[in-house]
């Protein structure tokens, strides 16, 4: 005695539904992979800021954009990339201190102080982005 169509159609539909639900819940990439591109974009904008030409308002806005974006990346990547995350957090704080002080300084002084802080940020952020990118 064979299996009836009445039985196989509902079973096949149920199996298809279960398998597609399992695939939708499964991701081949960690959640931090979604943040890499946006973080890279905001990072590039920040480190390319010409403080003397664009001023401290542009620096402040780009810093805020980057710090928000990198915080999102760090929230999802910190456990796996703890060393790189800690270095980026330290560098973000250093740049933040310069940005906070910018209102009290002339543009030349801001540019002079921001240079080393942005270089440190560039080094630490690139190391994080490279490490994360290797996993994505």
Protein backbone atom coordinates (compact mmCIF):
# COMPACT_ATOMS: atom_id res chain seq x y z
CA UNK A 1 0.00 0.00 0.00
CA UNK A 2 1.51 3.36 -1.05
CA UNK A 3 1.48 6.74 0.66
CA UNK A 4 -1.51 8.78 -0.34
CA UNK A 5 -1.31 12.24 -1.85
CA UNK A 6 -3.57 13.37 0.94
CA UNK A 7 -0.80 12.59 3.44
CA UNK A 8 2.34 13.62 1.51
CA UNK A 9 1.22 17.09 0.49
CA UNK A 10 0.70 18.41 4.06
CA UNK A 11 3.89 16.71 5.27
CA UNK A 12 5.91 18.19 2.39
CA UNK A 13 4.46 21.63 3.06
CA UNK A 14 5.24 21.34 6.76
CA UNK A 15 8.83 20.26 6.07
CA UNK A 16 9.30 23.11 3.62
CA UNK A 17 7.99 25.61 6.16
CA UNK A 18 10.20 24.27 8.95
CA UNK A 19 13.31 24.26 6.76
CA UNK A 20 12.72 27.80 5.50
CA UNK A 21 12.18 29.06 9.05
CA UNK A 22 15.44 27.48 10.08
CA UNK A 23 17.27 29.20 7.23
CA UNK A 24 15.78 32.60 8.00
CA UNK A 25 16.98 32.42 11.60
CA UNK A 26 20.46 31.33 10.59
CA UNK A 27 22.97 33.85 9.34
CA UNK A 28 26.26 32.92 7.76
CA UNK A 29 27.89 36.13 9.02
CA UNK A 30 28.10 37.59 12.52
CA UNK A 31 26.00 40.70 13.17
CA UNK A 32 29.04 42.98 13.24
CA UNK A 33 29.60 42.33 9.53
CA UNK A 34 26.62 44.58 8.80
CA UNK A 35 28.38 47.50 10.52
CA UNK A 36 31.75 47.40 8.75
CA UNK A 37 30.85 49.45 5.68
CA UNK A 38 29.09 52.26 7.55
CA UNK A 39 31.91 52.40 10.11
CA UNK A 40 34.49 52.58 7.34
CA UNK A 41 32.59 55.42 5.65
CA UNK A 42 32.28 57.52 8.81
CA UNK A 43 35.90 56.74 9.71
CA UNK A 44 37.13 57.87 6.28
CA UNK A 45 35.18 61.13 6.61
CA UNK A 46 36.59 61.84 10.06
CA UNK A 47 40.25 61.17 9.30
CA UNK A 48 40.09 63.13 6.07
CA UNK A 49 38.82 66.27 7.81
CA UNK A 50 40.92 69.32 6.97
CA UNK A 51 40.42 71.25 10.18
CA UNK A 52 42.01 74.44 8.87
CA UNK A 53 39.80 74.46 5.77
CA UNK A 54 36.60 72.92 7.16
CA UNK A 55 36.63 74.12 10.75
CA UNK A 56 35.77 72.62 14.08
CA UNK A 57 32.04 72.26 13.40
CA UNK A 58 32.78 69.77 10.62
CA UNK A 59 35.29 67.98 12.84
CA UNK A 60 32.74 67.78 15.65
CA UNK A 61 29.98 66.46 13.40
CA UNK A 62 32.21 63.84 11.80
CA UNK A 63 33.52 62.78 15.20
CA UNK A 64 29.96 62.38 16.50
CA UNK A 65 28.96 60.39 13.41
CA UNK A 66 31.98 58.13 13.72
CA UNK A 67 31.73 57.62 17.47
CA UNK A 68 28.06 56.63 17.13
CA UNK A 69 28.79 54.25 14.27
CA UNK A 70 31.85 52.65 15.83
CA UNK A 71 29.95 52.19 19.12
CA UNK A 72 27.41 50.11 17.22
CA UNK A 73 30.19 48.02 15.69
CA UNK A 74 31.91 47.61 19.04
CA UNK A 75 28.70 46.52 20.73
CA UNK A 76 28.53 43.51 18.43
CA UNK A 77 32.26 42.84 17.95
CA UNK A 78 33.75 43.55 21.38
CA UNK A 79 33.65 39.96 22.63
CA UNK A 80 35.45 38.53 19.63
CA UNK A 81 37.84 41.46 19.08
CA UNK A 82 38.47 42.67 22.63
CA UNK A 83 42.03 43.93 22.11
CA UNK A 84 41.20 45.89 18.96
CA UNK A 85 37.99 47.20 20.54
CA UNK A 86 39.82 48.49 23.60
CA UNK A 87 42.38 50.27 21.42
CA UNK A 88 39.63 51.92 19.36
CA UNK A 89 37.77 53.01 22.49
CA UNK A 90 40.94 54.62 23.86
CA UNK A 91 41.59 56.40 20.57
CA UNK A 92 37.98 57.62 20.33
CA UNK A 93 38.34 59.12 23.80
CA UNK A 94 41.56 60.89 22.81
CA UNK A 95 39.96 62.42 19.73
CA UNK A 96 36.90 63.28 21.81
CA UNK A 97 39.08 65.22 24.25
CA UNK A 98 40.47 67.29 21.36
CA UNK A 99 36.98 67.87 19.96
CA UNK A 100 35.73 68.94 23.41
CA UNK A 101 38.62 71.38 23.76
CA UNK A 102 38.28 72.72 20.20
CA UNK A 103 35.96 75.57 21.22
CA UNK A 104 38.71 76.95 23.46
CA UNK A 105 41.48 76.77 20.86
CA UNK A 106 42.27 78.45 17.57
CA UNK A 107 42.12 76.32 14.44
CA UNK A 108 45.89 75.89 14.28
CA UNK A 109 46.03 74.53 17.82
CA UNK A 110 43.09 72.21 17.15
CA UNK A 111 44.75 70.90 14.01
CA UNK A 112 48.02 70.41 15.85
CA UNK A 113 46.39 68.47 18.71
CA UNK A 114 44.03 66.53 16.47
CA UNK A 115 46.79 65.24 14.21
CA UNK A 116 48.34 62.72 16.62
CA UNK A 117 44.95 61.76 18.06
CA UNK A 118 43.55 61.08 14.58
CA UNK A 119 46.66 59.06 13.65
CA UNK A 120 46.16 56.90 16.74
CA UNK A 121 42.51 56.50 15.82
CA UNK A 122 43.46 55.64 12.26
CA UNK A 123 45.83 52.90 13.39
CA UNK A 124 43.48 51.33 15.94
CA UNK A 125 40.35 51.57 13.80
CA UNK A 126 42.06 50.12 10.75
CA UNK A 127 43.29 47.19 12.86
CA UNK A 128 39.73 46.57 14.06
CA UNK A 129 38.22 46.91 10.59
CA UNK A 130 40.84 44.57 9.13
CA UNK A 131 40.23 41.95 11.84
CA UNK A 132 36.46 42.18 11.50
CA UNK A 133 36.70 42.18 7.70
CA UNK A 134 38.70 38.94 7.80
CA UNK A 135 35.79 37.28 9.60
CA UNK A 136 33.06 38.59 7.32
